[in-house]
N, C-alpha and C. Protein backbone atom coordinates (compact mmCIF):
# COMPACT_ATOMS: atom_id res chain seq x y z
N MET A 1 -5.30 37.29 -2.80
CA MET A 1 -4.11 36.64 -3.32
C MET A 1 -4.56 35.55 -4.30
N SER A 2 -3.88 35.43 -5.39
CA SER A 2 -4.25 34.43 -6.39
C SER A 2 -3.68 33.07 -6.02
N ARG A 3 -4.13 32.03 -6.72
CA ARG A 3 -3.66 30.68 -6.46
C ARG A 3 -2.47 30.35 -7.34
N GLU A 4 -1.77 31.35 -7.81
CA GLU A 4 -0.62 31.13 -8.67
C GLU A 4 0.62 30.86 -7.83
N ASP A 5 1.63 30.34 -8.47
CA ASP A 5 2.89 30.05 -7.80
C ASP A 5 3.51 31.36 -7.29
N VAL A 6 3.90 31.39 -6.03
CA VAL A 6 4.46 32.57 -5.41
C VAL A 6 5.95 32.33 -5.17
N SER A 7 6.78 32.94 -5.95
CA SER A 7 8.24 32.86 -5.80
C SER A 7 8.77 31.43 -5.82
N GLY A 8 8.08 30.53 -6.49
CA GLY A 8 8.55 29.15 -6.57
C GLY A 8 8.39 28.37 -5.28
N LEU A 9 7.71 28.94 -4.28
CA LEU A 9 7.56 28.28 -2.99
C LEU A 9 6.40 27.30 -2.96
N GLY A 10 5.42 27.52 -3.79
CA GLY A 10 4.25 26.66 -3.79
C GLY A 10 3.03 27.43 -4.24
N THR A 11 1.88 26.86 -4.05
CA THR A 11 0.64 27.47 -4.47
C THR A 11 0.01 28.19 -3.28
N ALA A 12 -0.50 29.38 -3.52
CA ALA A 12 -1.15 30.13 -2.45
C ALA A 12 -2.49 29.49 -2.15
N GLY A 13 -2.75 29.25 -0.88
CA GLY A 13 -4.01 28.66 -0.45
C GLY A 13 -5.08 29.72 -0.32
N VAL A 14 -6.27 29.30 0.05
CA VAL A 14 -7.42 30.20 0.17
C VAL A 14 -7.14 31.28 1.20
N ASN A 15 -6.52 30.92 2.32
CA ASN A 15 -6.28 31.89 3.37
C ASN A 15 -4.94 32.62 3.21
N GLY A 16 -4.31 32.51 2.05
CA GLY A 16 -3.08 33.22 1.78
C GLY A 16 -1.82 32.49 2.17
N THR A 17 -1.96 31.32 2.77
CA THR A 17 -0.77 30.55 3.14
C THR A 17 -0.18 29.87 1.91
N ILE A 18 1.05 29.50 2.00
CA ILE A 18 1.72 28.84 0.88
C ILE A 18 1.66 27.33 1.09
N ALA A 19 1.03 26.64 0.16
CA ALA A 19 0.98 25.18 0.20
C ALA A 19 2.18 24.65 -0.58
N PRO A 20 2.85 23.61 -0.05
CA PRO A 20 4.00 23.07 -0.79
C PRO A 20 3.57 22.52 -2.14
N HIS A 21 4.44 22.67 -3.09
CA HIS A 21 4.17 22.23 -4.46
C HIS A 21 5.02 21.01 -4.75
N TRP A 22 4.39 19.87 -4.97
CA TRP A 22 5.10 18.64 -5.29
C TRP A 22 4.89 18.35 -6.76
N SER A 23 5.94 18.31 -7.51
CA SER A 23 5.81 17.98 -8.91
C SER A 23 5.86 16.46 -9.09
N ILE A 24 5.36 16.00 -10.21
CA ILE A 24 5.37 14.57 -10.52
C ILE A 24 6.79 14.04 -10.54
N SER A 25 7.71 14.81 -11.10
CA SER A 25 9.10 14.34 -11.16
C SER A 25 9.70 14.20 -9.76
N THR A 26 9.29 15.07 -8.84
CA THR A 26 9.77 14.95 -7.46
C THR A 26 9.23 13.68 -6.82
N LEU A 27 7.94 13.43 -7.01
CA LEU A 27 7.33 12.24 -6.44
C LEU A 27 7.92 10.97 -7.04
N SER A 28 8.22 10.97 -8.32
CA SER A 28 8.75 9.77 -8.96
C SER A 28 10.13 9.40 -8.42
N GLN A 29 10.84 10.34 -7.84
CA GLN A 29 12.14 10.04 -7.24
C GLN A 29 12.01 9.11 -6.04
N TYR A 30 10.84 9.06 -5.43
CA TYR A 30 10.62 8.24 -4.24
C TYR A 30 10.12 6.83 -4.57
N GLU A 31 10.11 6.47 -5.84
CA GLU A 31 9.58 5.16 -6.22
C GLU A 31 10.26 3.99 -5.50
N PRO A 32 11.60 3.95 -5.39
CA PRO A 32 12.22 2.83 -4.66
C PRO A 32 11.75 2.76 -3.20
N HIS A 33 11.57 3.91 -2.58
CA HIS A 33 11.08 3.93 -1.20
C HIS A 33 9.64 3.42 -1.12
N LEU A 34 8.84 3.77 -2.11
CA LEU A 34 7.46 3.30 -2.13
C LEU A 34 7.38 1.79 -2.32
N TRP A 35 8.29 1.24 -3.15
CA TRP A 35 8.33 -0.22 -3.30
C TRP A 35 8.73 -0.89 -1.98
N ALA A 36 9.71 -0.34 -1.31
CA ALA A 36 10.12 -0.90 -0.01
C ALA A 36 8.97 -0.83 0.99
N PHE A 37 8.26 0.28 0.99
CA PHE A 37 7.12 0.46 1.89
C PHE A 37 6.02 -0.56 1.58
N ALA A 38 5.75 -0.79 0.29
CA ALA A 38 4.73 -1.76 -0.11
C ALA A 38 5.14 -3.18 0.28
N LEU A 39 6.40 -3.54 0.04
CA LEU A 39 6.86 -4.89 0.36
C LEU A 39 6.91 -5.12 1.87
N LEU A 40 7.26 -4.10 2.64
CA LEU A 40 7.22 -4.22 4.10
C LEU A 40 5.77 -4.45 4.55
N GLY A 41 4.85 -3.73 3.94
CA GLY A 41 3.44 -3.94 4.27
C GLY A 41 2.98 -5.34 3.92
N PHE A 42 3.43 -5.86 2.77
CA PHE A 42 3.09 -7.24 2.39
C PHE A 42 3.58 -8.22 3.45
N ALA A 43 4.83 -8.07 3.86
CA ALA A 43 5.41 -8.99 4.84
C ALA A 43 4.65 -8.91 6.17
N LEU A 44 4.35 -7.70 6.61
CA LEU A 44 3.59 -7.55 7.86
C LEU A 44 2.19 -8.10 7.73
N ASP A 45 1.56 -7.91 6.59
CA ASP A 45 0.21 -8.44 6.39
C ASP A 45 0.20 -9.96 6.46
N VAL A 46 1.16 -10.60 5.81
CA VAL A 46 1.24 -12.07 5.86
C VAL A 46 1.48 -12.53 7.30
N GLY A 47 2.45 -11.92 7.96
CA GLY A 47 2.78 -12.33 9.32
C GLY A 47 1.64 -12.08 10.29
N LEU A 48 1.03 -10.91 10.23
CA LEU A 48 -0.06 -10.60 11.16
C LEU A 48 -1.30 -11.44 10.87
N THR A 49 -1.56 -11.72 9.60
CA THR A 49 -2.70 -12.58 9.26
C THR A 49 -2.50 -13.98 9.83
N ALA A 50 -1.32 -14.53 9.62
CA ALA A 50 -1.03 -15.87 10.15
C ALA A 50 -1.13 -15.88 11.68
N TYR A 51 -0.58 -14.86 12.31
CA TYR A 51 -0.63 -14.79 13.78
C TYR A 51 -2.06 -14.61 14.26
N GLY A 52 -2.81 -13.74 13.62
CA GLY A 52 -4.20 -13.53 14.01
C GLY A 52 -5.05 -14.78 13.86
N LEU A 53 -4.83 -15.51 12.78
CA LEU A 53 -5.57 -16.77 12.60
C LEU A 53 -5.19 -17.79 13.66
N SER A 54 -3.93 -17.79 14.07
CA SER A 54 -3.51 -18.73 15.13
C SER A 54 -4.13 -18.37 16.47
N LEU A 55 -4.53 -17.11 16.64
CA LEU A 55 -5.20 -16.68 17.88
C LEU A 55 -6.70 -16.92 17.83
N GLY A 56 -7.21 -17.35 16.68
CA GLY A 56 -8.63 -17.62 16.56
C GLY A 56 -9.42 -16.62 15.74
N LEU A 57 -8.76 -15.62 15.20
CA LEU A 57 -9.45 -14.70 14.31
C LEU A 57 -9.81 -15.41 13.01
N ALA A 58 -10.77 -14.87 12.28
CA ALA A 58 -11.22 -15.49 11.03
C ALA A 58 -10.88 -14.59 9.85
N GLU A 59 -10.51 -15.20 8.75
CA GLU A 59 -10.27 -14.47 7.50
C GLU A 59 -11.62 -14.08 6.91
N MET A 60 -11.78 -12.80 6.60
CA MET A 60 -13.07 -12.32 6.08
C MET A 60 -13.16 -12.36 4.56
N ASN A 61 -12.02 -12.40 3.86
CA ASN A 61 -12.02 -12.44 2.40
C ASN A 61 -12.34 -13.88 1.97
N PRO A 62 -13.45 -14.10 1.26
CA PRO A 62 -13.83 -15.47 0.90
C PRO A 62 -12.82 -16.17 -0.01
N LEU A 63 -12.22 -15.44 -0.94
CA LEU A 63 -11.21 -16.05 -1.80
C LEU A 63 -9.98 -16.46 -0.99
N ALA A 64 -9.51 -15.57 -0.15
CA ALA A 64 -8.35 -15.88 0.69
C ALA A 64 -8.67 -17.03 1.64
N ARG A 65 -9.86 -17.03 2.22
CA ARG A 65 -10.24 -18.10 3.15
C ARG A 65 -10.26 -19.45 2.45
N THR A 66 -10.80 -19.50 1.22
CA THR A 66 -10.84 -20.75 0.46
C THR A 66 -9.43 -21.22 0.13
N LEU A 67 -8.59 -20.31 -0.32
CA LEU A 67 -7.20 -20.68 -0.61
C LEU A 67 -6.47 -21.15 0.64
N MET A 68 -6.73 -20.51 1.76
CA MET A 68 -6.07 -20.92 3.01
C MET A 68 -6.50 -22.32 3.43
N GLU A 69 -7.76 -22.63 3.23
CA GLU A 69 -8.24 -23.97 3.56
C GLU A 69 -7.64 -25.02 2.64
N THR A 70 -7.35 -24.63 1.39
CA THR A 70 -6.82 -25.55 0.40
C THR A 70 -5.31 -25.70 0.49
N ALA A 71 -4.60 -24.58 0.56
CA ALA A 71 -3.14 -24.60 0.44
C ALA A 71 -2.41 -24.33 1.75
N GLY A 72 -3.08 -23.80 2.73
CA GLY A 72 -2.42 -23.38 3.96
C GLY A 72 -2.37 -21.86 4.03
N VAL A 73 -2.23 -21.36 5.24
CA VAL A 73 -2.32 -19.91 5.45
C VAL A 73 -1.20 -19.15 4.76
N VAL A 74 0.03 -19.46 5.08
CA VAL A 74 1.15 -18.71 4.54
C VAL A 74 1.25 -18.91 3.03
N GLU A 75 1.04 -20.13 2.57
CA GLU A 75 1.12 -20.41 1.14
C GLU A 75 0.06 -19.63 0.37
N ALA A 76 -1.16 -19.58 0.90
CA ALA A 76 -2.23 -18.83 0.24
C ALA A 76 -1.93 -17.34 0.22
N MET A 77 -1.42 -16.82 1.33
CA MET A 77 -1.08 -15.39 1.38
C MET A 77 0.04 -15.07 0.38
N LEU A 78 1.03 -15.93 0.30
CA LEU A 78 2.12 -15.70 -0.65
C LEU A 78 1.62 -15.77 -2.09
N LEU A 79 0.71 -16.69 -2.35
CA LEU A 79 0.12 -16.79 -3.69
C LEU A 79 -0.66 -15.52 -4.04
N LEU A 80 -1.47 -15.03 -3.10
CA LEU A 80 -2.24 -13.82 -3.35
C LEU A 80 -1.33 -12.60 -3.52
N LYS A 81 -0.30 -12.50 -2.71
CA LYS A 81 0.63 -11.37 -2.82
C LYS A 81 1.42 -11.44 -4.13
N THR A 82 1.80 -12.64 -4.54
CA THR A 82 2.52 -12.81 -5.81
C THR A 82 1.62 -12.40 -6.98
N PHE A 83 0.35 -12.79 -6.93
CA PHE A 83 -0.58 -12.40 -7.98
C PHE A 83 -0.74 -10.89 -8.03
N SER A 84 -0.89 -10.25 -6.88
CA SER A 84 -1.05 -8.79 -6.89
C SER A 84 0.21 -8.10 -7.38
N LEU A 85 1.39 -8.66 -7.05
CA LEU A 85 2.63 -8.09 -7.58
C LEU A 85 2.73 -8.27 -9.09
N ALA A 86 2.25 -9.40 -9.61
CA ALA A 86 2.29 -9.64 -11.05
C ALA A 86 1.39 -8.63 -11.78
N VAL A 87 0.19 -8.40 -11.24
CA VAL A 87 -0.71 -7.42 -11.84
C VAL A 87 -0.09 -6.03 -11.75
N ALA A 88 0.51 -5.72 -10.61
CA ALA A 88 1.17 -4.42 -10.44
C ALA A 88 2.33 -4.26 -11.43
N PHE A 89 3.06 -5.33 -11.66
CA PHE A 89 4.19 -5.25 -12.59
C PHE A 89 3.71 -4.93 -14.00
N VAL A 90 2.61 -5.54 -14.40
CA VAL A 90 2.05 -5.25 -15.73
C VAL A 90 1.66 -3.77 -15.81
N GLY A 91 0.99 -3.28 -14.79
CA GLY A 91 0.63 -1.86 -14.76
C GLY A 91 1.86 -0.96 -14.77
N TRP A 92 2.87 -1.36 -14.01
CA TRP A 92 4.12 -0.59 -13.94
C TRP A 92 4.80 -0.52 -15.30
N LYS A 93 4.77 -1.64 -16.04
CA LYS A 93 5.42 -1.68 -17.37
C LYS A 93 4.69 -0.81 -18.39
N ILE A 94 3.37 -0.73 -18.32
CA ILE A 94 2.65 0.02 -19.34
C ILE A 94 2.55 1.51 -19.03
N LEU A 95 2.82 1.89 -17.79
CA LEU A 95 2.78 3.31 -17.45
C LEU A 95 4.03 4.02 -17.94
N PRO A 96 3.92 5.30 -18.28
CA PRO A 96 5.13 6.07 -18.56
C PRO A 96 6.02 6.11 -17.32
N VAL A 97 7.31 6.15 -17.52
CA VAL A 97 8.28 6.09 -16.42
C VAL A 97 7.98 7.13 -15.35
N LEU A 98 7.59 8.30 -15.75
CA LEU A 98 7.35 9.39 -14.81
C LEU A 98 6.22 9.08 -13.83
N TYR A 99 5.26 8.23 -14.23
CA TYR A 99 4.09 7.95 -13.40
C TYR A 99 4.13 6.58 -12.73
N ARG A 100 5.20 5.85 -12.87
CA ARG A 100 5.27 4.49 -12.32
C ARG A 100 5.21 4.45 -10.80
N PHE A 101 5.51 5.55 -10.14
CA PHE A 101 5.49 5.58 -8.68
C PHE A 101 4.09 5.32 -8.12
N VAL A 102 3.04 5.52 -8.94
CA VAL A 102 1.69 5.30 -8.44
C VAL A 102 1.41 3.82 -8.19
N VAL A 103 2.16 2.94 -8.84
CA VAL A 103 1.91 1.50 -8.66
C VAL A 103 2.26 1.06 -7.24
N PRO A 104 3.48 1.29 -6.75
CA PRO A 104 3.74 0.89 -5.37
C PRO A 104 2.91 1.70 -4.36
N ALA A 105 2.61 2.94 -4.69
CA ALA A 105 1.75 3.72 -3.80
C ALA A 105 0.36 3.10 -3.72
N GLY A 106 -0.15 2.66 -4.87
CA GLY A 106 -1.46 2.01 -4.91
C GLY A 106 -1.47 0.65 -4.21
N LEU A 107 -0.37 -0.08 -4.28
CA LEU A 107 -0.26 -1.34 -3.56
C LEU A 107 -0.20 -1.11 -2.05
N SER A 108 0.46 -0.05 -1.67
CA SER A 108 0.67 0.22 -0.24
C SER A 108 -0.62 0.54 0.50
N LEU A 109 -1.49 1.29 -0.11
CA LEU A 109 -2.68 1.76 0.59
C LEU A 109 -3.53 0.63 1.17
N PRO A 110 -4.04 -0.31 0.36
CA PRO A 110 -4.86 -1.37 0.96
C PRO A 110 -4.05 -2.31 1.86
N THR A 111 -2.77 -2.47 1.54
CA THR A 111 -1.93 -3.35 2.35
C THR A 111 -1.77 -2.80 3.76
N TRP A 112 -1.48 -1.50 3.86
CA TRP A 112 -1.29 -0.90 5.18
C TRP A 112 -2.61 -0.74 5.92
N VAL A 113 -3.71 -0.62 5.21
CA VAL A 113 -5.02 -0.64 5.88
C VAL A 113 -5.23 -2.01 6.51
N ALA A 114 -4.90 -3.07 5.77
CA ALA A 114 -5.03 -4.44 6.31
C ALA A 114 -4.11 -4.63 7.51
N VAL A 115 -2.89 -4.10 7.44
CA VAL A 115 -1.97 -4.20 8.57
C VAL A 115 -2.56 -3.51 9.79
N GLY A 116 -3.15 -2.35 9.59
CA GLY A 116 -3.76 -1.63 10.70
C GLY A 116 -4.93 -2.39 11.30
N ILE A 117 -5.79 -2.94 10.44
CA ILE A 117 -6.94 -3.72 10.93
C ILE A 117 -6.46 -4.96 11.66
N ASN A 118 -5.52 -5.69 11.07
CA ASN A 118 -4.99 -6.90 11.71
C ASN A 118 -4.37 -6.56 13.06
N SER A 119 -3.58 -5.50 13.10
CA SER A 119 -2.93 -5.10 14.34
C SER A 119 -3.95 -4.77 15.43
N SER A 120 -4.97 -4.01 15.07
CA SER A 120 -5.98 -3.62 16.07
C SER A 120 -6.75 -4.84 16.56
N LEU A 121 -7.07 -5.77 15.67
CA LEU A 121 -7.77 -6.97 16.09
C LEU A 121 -6.92 -7.84 17.02
N ILE A 122 -5.64 -7.96 16.69
CA ILE A 122 -4.73 -8.75 17.54
C ILE A 122 -4.57 -8.10 18.90
N ILE A 123 -4.40 -6.79 18.92
CA ILE A 123 -4.25 -6.07 20.18
C ILE A 123 -5.51 -6.21 21.04
N SER A 124 -6.67 -6.23 20.39
CA SER A 124 -7.92 -6.37 21.15
C SER A 124 -8.03 -7.74 21.82
N LEU A 125 -7.32 -8.73 21.31
CA LEU A 125 -7.35 -10.07 21.90
C LEU A 125 -6.35 -10.24 23.04
N LEU A 126 -5.34 -9.40 23.07
CA LEU A 126 -4.27 -9.58 24.06
C LEU A 126 -4.61 -8.94 25.39
């Protein structure tokens, strides 16, 4: 069986199964959801970081740690998140509309990894 589109269902896989076919235009329809997912991750990251630090955990990012010592935990986290959103906004503006969904998707990945790490560290203390 070839790897060509089979009846519009998707691409044929190596073992003959049909893999779903996601077009860029389909993925771009989910951009608002991806932004919500990224912002939820930001909020959880700030909250879990502050809570973890209050339990005695240490911030491992040297830039974030320095800012936290200077400005305070929540203020430093909000400053860092605002900066990352500003950089993301610039990238979002210069990308073609069809590909803008990659910006919130790209923001979400490291944010949700941090949420997972923070959560596991907090759970290990409880």
